[in-house]
Each structure stands twice: as C-alpha cells, then as structure tokens.
Amino acid sequence: QAEEPALIDSGFSQNLGLLQAALQSV
C-alpha cells in the first residue's frame, strides 16, 4: 500500500480473474 500501489509477483496465468477479483475486493 503506497501512493503508487505495487504487487509482489502476479501468479499463475490462468488466475488473472482471481487476481483481479481480489484487488477489487479492497
């Protein structure tokens, strides 16, 4: 969490929907 938010890694290619949903939840 920062002025410019960042991720450490982005996971497996088939889980992009899960990644996006997790981000949207916060």
PDB file of all heavy atoms in Angstrom:
ATOM      1  N   GLN A   1       0.848  -1.187   0.000  1.00  0.00           N
ATOM      2  CA  GLN A   1       0.000   0.000   0.000  1.00  0.00           C
ATOM      3  C   GLN A   1       0.887   1.242   0.000  1.00  0.00           C
ATOM      4  O   GLN A   1       1.746   1.409   0.869  1.00  0.00           O
ATOM      5  CB  GLN A   1      -0.923  -0.001   1.220  1.00  0.00           C
ATOM      6  CG  GLN A   1      -1.937  -1.136   1.217  1.00  0.00           C
ATOM      7  CD  GLN A   1      -2.813  -1.110   2.449  1.00  0.00           C
ATOM      8  OE1 GLN A   1      -2.349  -1.289   3.560  1.00  0.00           O
ATOM      9  NE2 GLN A   1      -4.109  -0.871   2.236  1.00  0.00           N
ATOM     10  N   ALA A   2       0.688   2.075  -0.981  1.00  0.00           N
ATOM     11  CA  ALA A   2       1.506   3.265  -1.130  1.00  0.00           C
ATOM     12  C   ALA A   2       0.769   4.241  -2.041  1.00  0.00           C
ATOM     13  O   ALA A   2      -0.296   3.932  -2.589  1.00  0.00           O
ATOM     14  CB  ALA A   2       2.867   2.908  -1.727  1.00  0.00           C
ATOM     15  N   GLU A   3       1.349   5.405  -2.189  1.00  0.00           N
ATOM     16  CA  GLU A   3       0.792   6.388  -3.125  1.00  0.00           C
ATOM     17  C   GLU A   3       0.651   5.770  -4.510  1.00  0.00           C
ATOM     18  O   GLU A   3      -0.328   6.004  -5.221  1.00  0.00           O
ATOM     19  CB  GLU A   3       1.704   7.615  -3.171  1.00  0.00           C
ATOM     20  CG  GLU A   3       1.199   8.741  -4.038  1.00  0.00           C
ATOM     21  CD  GLU A   3       2.166   9.911  -4.042  1.00  0.00           C
ATOM     22  OE1 GLU A   3       2.966  10.048  -3.098  1.00  0.00           O
ATOM     23  OE2 GLU A   3       2.112  10.700  -5.007  1.00  0.00           O
ATOM     24  N   GLU A   4       1.620   4.950  -4.887  1.00  0.00           N
ATOM     25  CA  GLU A   4       1.557   4.169  -6.125  1.00  0.00           C
ATOM     26  C   GLU A   4       1.578   2.692  -5.733  1.00  0.00           C
ATOM     27  O   GLU A   4       2.651   2.118  -5.516  1.00  0.00           O
ATOM     28  CB  GLU A   4       2.727   4.516  -7.040  1.00  0.00           C
ATOM     29  CG  GLU A   4       2.738   5.965  -7.502  1.00  0.00           C
ATOM     30  CD  GLU A   4       3.912   6.275  -8.424  1.00  0.00           C
ATOM     31  OE1 GLU A   4       4.680   5.334  -8.747  1.00  0.00           O
ATOM     32  OE2 GLU A   4       4.054   7.439  -8.817  1.00  0.00           O
ATOM     33  N   PRO A   5       0.409   2.039  -5.627  1.00  0.00           N
ATOM     34  CA  PRO A   5       0.352   0.656  -5.135  1.00  0.00           C
ATOM     35  C   PRO A   5       1.164  -0.300  -6.014  1.00  0.00           C
ATOM     36  O   PRO A   5       1.277  -0.122  -7.229  1.00  0.00           O
ATOM     37  CB  PRO A   5      -1.143   0.317  -5.196  1.00  0.00           C
ATOM     38  CG  PRO A   5      -1.839   1.637  -5.232  1.00  0.00           C
ATOM     39  CD  PRO A   5      -0.926   2.569  -5.946  1.00  0.00           C
ATOM     40  N   ALA A   6       1.717  -1.339  -5.367  1.00  0.00           N
ATOM     41  CA  ALA A   6       2.563  -2.295  -6.072  1.00  0.00           C
ATOM     42  C   ALA A   6       2.210  -3.718  -5.661  1.00  0.00           C
ATOM     43  O   ALA A   6       1.687  -3.955  -4.565  1.00  0.00           O
ATOM     44  CB  ALA A   6       4.035  -2.019  -5.774  1.00  0.00           C
ATOM     45  N   LEU A   7       2.497  -4.675  -6.555  1.00  0.00           N
ATOM     46  CA  LEU A   7       2.347  -6.099  -6.267  1.00  0.00           C
ATOM     47  C   LEU A   7       3.720  -6.758  -6.230  1.00  0.00           C
ATOM     48  O   LEU A   7       4.635  -6.365  -6.962  1.00  0.00           O
ATOM     49  CB  LEU A   7       1.531  -6.805  -7.360  1.00  0.00           C
ATOM     50  CG  LEU A   7       0.046  -6.494  -7.513  1.00  0.00           C
ATOM     51  CD1 LEU A   7      -0.533  -7.349  -8.643  1.00  0.00           C
ATOM     52  CD2 LEU A   7      -0.705  -6.746  -6.221  1.00  0.00           C
ATOM     53  N   ILE A   8       3.852  -7.782  -5.389  1.00  0.00           N
ATOM     54  CA  ILE A   8       4.988  -8.682  -5.445  1.00  0.00           C
ATOM     55  C   ILE A   8       4.503  -9.955  -6.132  1.00  0.00           C
ATOM     56  O   ILE A   8       3.705 -10.713  -5.585  1.00  0.00           O
ATOM     57  CB  ILE A   8       5.531  -9.018  -4.048  1.00  0.00           C
ATOM     58  CG1 ILE A   8       5.917  -7.750  -3.288  1.00  0.00           C
ATOM     59  CG2 ILE A   8       6.721  -9.973  -4.167  1.00  0.00           C
ATOM     60  CD1 ILE A   8       7.059  -6.974  -3.903  1.00  0.00           C
ATOM     61  N   ASP A   9       4.946 -10.178  -7.368  1.00  0.00           N
ATOM     62  CA  ASP A   9       4.508 -11.279  -8.230  1.00  0.00           C
ATOM     63  C   ASP A   9       3.024 -11.117  -8.606  1.00  0.00           C
ATOM     64  O   ASP A   9       2.292 -10.340  -7.988  1.00  0.00           O
ATOM     65  CB  ASP A   9       4.756 -12.646  -7.596  1.00  0.00           C
ATOM     66  CG  ASP A   9       6.238 -12.981  -7.459  1.00  0.00           C
ATOM     67  OD1 ASP A   9       7.035 -12.430  -8.232  1.00  0.00           O
ATOM     68  OD2 ASP A   9       6.588 -13.791  -6.574  1.00  0.00           O
ATOM     69  N   SER A  10       2.611 -11.853  -9.641  1.00  0.00           N
ATOM     70  CA  SER A  10       1.205 -11.762 -10.071  1.00  0.00           C
ATOM     71  C   SER A  10       0.585 -13.133 -10.295  1.00  0.00           C
ATOM     72  O   SER A  10      -0.555 -13.227 -10.728  1.00  0.00           O
ATOM     73  CB  SER A  10       1.085 -10.916 -11.346  1.00  0.00           C
ATOM     74  OG  SER A  10       1.883 -11.441 -12.397  1.00  0.00           O
ATOM     75  N   GLY A  11       1.344 -14.217 -10.019  1.00  0.00           N
ATOM     76  CA  GLY A  11       0.745 -15.536 -10.011  1.00  0.00           C
ATOM     77  C   GLY A  11       0.684 -16.235 -11.356  1.00  0.00           C
ATOM     78  O   GLY A  11       1.288 -15.829 -12.350  1.00  0.00           O
ATOM     79  N   PHE A  12      -0.106 -17.301 -11.357  1.00  0.00           N
ATOM     80  CA  PHE A  12      -0.251 -18.204 -12.489  1.00  0.00           C
ATOM     81  C   PHE A  12      -1.156 -17.592 -13.557  1.00  0.00           C
ATOM     82  O   PHE A  12      -2.145 -16.923 -13.250  1.00  0.00           O
ATOM     83  CB  PHE A  12      -0.825 -19.528 -11.975  1.00  0.00           C
ATOM     84  CG  PHE A  12      -0.971 -20.607 -12.995  1.00  0.00           C
ATOM     85  CD1 PHE A  12       0.116 -21.045 -13.728  1.00  0.00           C
ATOM     86  CD2 PHE A  12      -2.195 -21.209 -13.211  1.00  0.00           C
ATOM     87  CE1 PHE A  12      -0.012 -22.059 -14.663  1.00  0.00           C
ATOM     88  CE2 PHE A  12      -2.341 -22.222 -14.139  1.00  0.00           C
ATOM     89  CZ  PHE A  12      -1.248 -22.645 -14.862  1.00  0.00           C
ATOM     90  N   SER A  13      -0.854 -17.837 -14.814  1.00  0.00           N
ATOM     91  CA  SER A  13      -1.536 -17.169 -15.928  1.00  0.00           C
ATOM     92  C   SER A  13      -3.051 -17.378 -15.929  1.00  0.00           C
ATOM     93  O   SER A  13      -3.805 -16.477 -16.295  1.00  0.00           O
ATOM     94  CB  SER A  13      -0.946 -17.650 -17.260  1.00  0.00           C
ATOM     95  OG  SER A  13      -1.068 -19.062 -17.376  1.00  0.00           O
ATOM     96  N   GLN A  14      -3.520 -18.565 -15.526  1.00  0.00           N
ATOM     97  CA  GLN A  14      -4.947 -18.850 -15.582  1.00  0.00           C
ATOM     98  C   GLN A  14      -5.727 -18.251 -14.422  1.00  0.00           C
ATOM     99  O   GLN A  14      -6.946 -18.406 -14.344  1.00  0.00           O
ATOM    100  CB  GLN A  14      -5.166 -20.360 -15.630  1.00  0.00           C
ATOM    101  CG  GLN A  14      -4.583 -21.021 -16.869  1.00  0.00           C
ATOM    102  CD  GLN A  14      -5.161 -20.436 -18.148  1.00  0.00           C
ATOM    103  OE1 GLN A  14      -6.354 -20.488 -18.380  1.00  0.00           O
ATOM    104  NE2 GLN A  14      -4.300 -19.849 -18.978  1.00  0.00           N
ATOM    105  N   ASN A  15      -5.042 -17.553 -13.521  1.00  0.00           N
ATOM    106  CA  ASN A  15      -5.692 -16.991 -12.338  1.00  0.00           C
ATOM    107  C   ASN A  15      -5.837 -15.480 -12.393  1.00  0.00           C
ATOM    108  O   ASN A  15      -6.030 -14.831 -11.361  1.00  0.00           O
ATOM    109  CB  ASN A  15      -4.922 -17.373 -11.074  1.00  0.00           C
ATOM    110  CG  ASN A  15      -5.113 -18.822 -10.703  1.00  0.00           C
ATOM    111  OD1 ASN A  15      -6.092 -19.444 -11.098  1.00  0.00           O
ATOM    112  ND2 ASN A  15      -4.176 -19.366  -9.961  1.00  0.00           N
ATOM    113  N   LEU A  16      -5.787 -14.917 -13.593  1.00  0.00           N
ATOM    114  CA  LEU A  16      -5.885 -13.470 -13.702  1.00  0.00           C
ATOM    115  C   LEU A  16      -7.233 -12.956 -13.192  1.00  0.00           C
ATOM    116  O   LEU A  16      -7.311 -11.886 -12.588  1.00  0.00           O
ATOM    117  CB  LEU A  16      -5.674 -13.040 -15.159  1.00  0.00           C
ATOM    118  CG  LEU A  16      -5.101 -11.646 -15.375  1.00  0.00           C
ATOM    119  CD1 LEU A  16      -3.777 -11.477 -14.657  1.00  0.00           C
ATOM    120  CD2 LEU A  16      -4.918 -11.364 -16.854  1.00  0.00           C
ATOM    121  N   GLY A  17      -8.305 -13.740 -13.420  1.00  0.00           N
ATOM    122  CA  GLY A  17      -9.616 -13.347 -12.907  1.00  0.00           C
ATOM    123  C   GLY A  17      -9.657 -13.323 -11.394  1.00  0.00           C
ATOM    124  O   GLY A  17     -10.244 -12.410 -10.786  1.00  0.00           O
ATOM    125  N   LEU A  18      -9.024 -14.327 -10.771  1.00  0.00           N
ATOM    126  CA  LEU A  18      -8.947 -14.348  -9.315  1.00  0.00           C
ATOM    127  C   LEU A  18      -8.123 -13.172  -8.789  1.00  0.00           C
ATOM    128  O   LEU A  18      -8.471 -12.559  -7.769  1.00  0.00           O
ATOM    129  CB  LEU A  18      -8.314 -15.658  -8.857  1.00  0.00           C
ATOM    130  CG  LEU A  18      -9.177 -16.920  -8.909  1.00  0.00           C
ATOM    131  CD1 LEU A  18      -8.309 -18.149  -8.648  1.00  0.00           C
ATOM    132  CD2 LEU A  18     -10.321 -16.855  -7.921  1.00  0.00           C
ATOM    133  N   LEU A  19      -7.043 -12.867  -9.462  1.00  0.00           N
ATOM    134  CA  LEU A  19      -6.204 -11.737  -9.074  1.00  0.00           C
ATOM    135  C   LEU A  19      -6.998 -10.443  -9.122  1.00  0.00           C
ATOM    136  O   LEU A  19      -6.990  -9.643  -8.175  1.00  0.00           O
ATOM    137  CB  LEU A  19      -4.987 -11.657  -9.989  1.00  0.00           C
ATOM    138  CG  LEU A  19      -4.070 -10.441  -9.833  1.00  0.00           C
ATOM    139  CD1 LEU A  19      -3.413 -10.435  -8.464  1.00  0.00           C
ATOM    140  CD2 LEU A  19      -2.991 -10.432 -10.924  1.00  0.00           C
ATOM    141  N   GLN A  20      -7.705 -10.230 -10.224  1.00  0.00           N
ATOM    142  CA  GLN A  20      -8.495  -9.014 -10.384  1.00  0.00           C
ATOM    143  C   GLN A  20      -9.601  -8.928  -9.333  1.00  0.00           C
ATOM    144  O   GLN A  20      -9.842  -7.865  -8.737  1.00  0.00           O
ATOM    145  CB  GLN A  20      -9.106  -8.967 -11.794  1.00  0.00           C
ATOM    146  CG  GLN A  20      -9.957  -7.731 -12.080  1.00  0.00           C
ATOM    147  CD  GLN A  20      -9.137  -6.484 -12.333  1.00  0.00           C
ATOM    148  OE1 GLN A  20      -8.255  -6.141 -11.555  1.00  0.00           O
ATOM    149  NE2 GLN A  20      -9.450  -5.791 -13.422  1.00  0.00           N
ATOM    150  N   ALA A  21     -10.267 -10.042  -9.065  1.00  0.00           N
ATOM    151  CA  ALA A  21     -11.347 -10.049  -8.079  1.00  0.00           C
ATOM    152  C   ALA A  21     -10.828  -9.725  -6.685  1.00  0.00           C
ATOM    153  O   ALA A  21     -11.473  -9.000  -5.920  1.00  0.00           O
ATOM    154  CB  ALA A  21     -12.057 -11.397  -8.092  1.00  0.00           C
ATOM    155  N   ALA A  22      -9.658 -10.277  -6.340  1.00  0.00           N
ATOM    156  CA  ALA A  22      -9.072  -9.989  -5.031  1.00  0.00           C
ATOM    157  C   ALA A  22      -8.756  -8.503  -4.899  1.00  0.00           C
ATOM    158  O   ALA A  22      -9.026  -7.878  -3.860  1.00  0.00           O
ATOM    159  CB  ALA A  22      -7.812 -10.825  -4.831  1.00  0.00           C
ATOM    160  N   LEU A  23      -8.199  -7.920  -5.958  1.00  0.00           N
ATOM    161  CA  LEU A  23      -7.894  -6.487  -5.927  1.00  0.00           C
ATOM    162  C   LEU A  23      -9.162  -5.651  -5.779  1.00  0.00           C
ATOM    163  O   LEU A  23      -9.219  -4.697  -4.996  1.00  0.00           O
ATOM    164  CB  LEU A  23      -7.140  -6.083  -7.196  1.00  0.00           C
ATOM    165  CG  LEU A  23      -5.724  -6.655  -7.373  1.00  0.00           C
ATOM    166  CD1 LEU A  23      -5.178  -6.303  -8.751  1.00  0.00           C
ATOM    167  CD2 LEU A  23      -4.792  -6.151  -6.286  1.00  0.00           C
ATOM    168  N   GLN A  24     -10.187  -6.018  -6.529  1.00  0.00           N
ATOM    169  CA  GLN A  24     -11.445  -5.268  -6.481  1.00  0.00           C
ATOM    170  C   GLN A  24     -12.080  -5.310  -5.096  1.00  0.00           C
ATOM    171  O   GLN A  24     -12.748  -4.359  -4.680  1.00  0.00           O
ATOM    172  CB  GLN A  24     -12.408  -5.809  -7.526  1.00  0.00           C
ATOM    173  CG  GLN A  24     -12.017  -5.473  -8.955  1.00  0.00           C
ATOM    174  CD  GLN A  24     -12.914  -6.132  -9.990  1.00  0.00           C
ATOM    175  OE1 GLN A  24     -13.677  -7.050  -9.671  1.00  0.00           O
ATOM    176  NE2 GLN A  24     -12.806  -5.692 -11.229  1.00  0.00           N
ATOM    177  N   SER A  25     -11.867  -6.401  -4.375  1.00  0.00           N
ATOM    178  CA  SER A  25     -12.483  -6.533  -3.056  1.00  0.00           C
ATOM    179  C   SER A  25     -11.927  -5.528  -2.050  1.00  0.00           C
ATOM    180  O   SER A  25     -12.524  -5.292  -1.001  1.00  0.00           O
ATOM    181  CB  SER A  25     -12.289  -7.957  -2.529  1.00  0.00           C
ATOM    182  OG  SER A  25     -10.940  -8.180  -2.153  1.00  0.00           O
ATOM    183  N   VAL A  26     -10.764  -4.929  -2.355  1.00  0.00           N
ATOM    184  CA  VAL A  26     -10.187  -3.918  -1.459  1.00  0.00           C
ATOM    185  C   VAL A  26     -10.083  -2.569  -2.160  1.00  0.00           C
ATOM    186  O   VAL A  26      -9.257  -1.719  -1.806  1.00  0.00           O
ATOM    187  CB  VAL A  26      -8.798  -4.364  -0.941  1.00  0.00           C
ATOM    188  CG1 VAL A  26      -8.949  -5.543  -0.002  1.00  0.00           C
ATOM    189  CG2 VAL A  26      -7.849  -4.716  -2.087  1.00  0.00           C
TER     190      VAL A  26
END
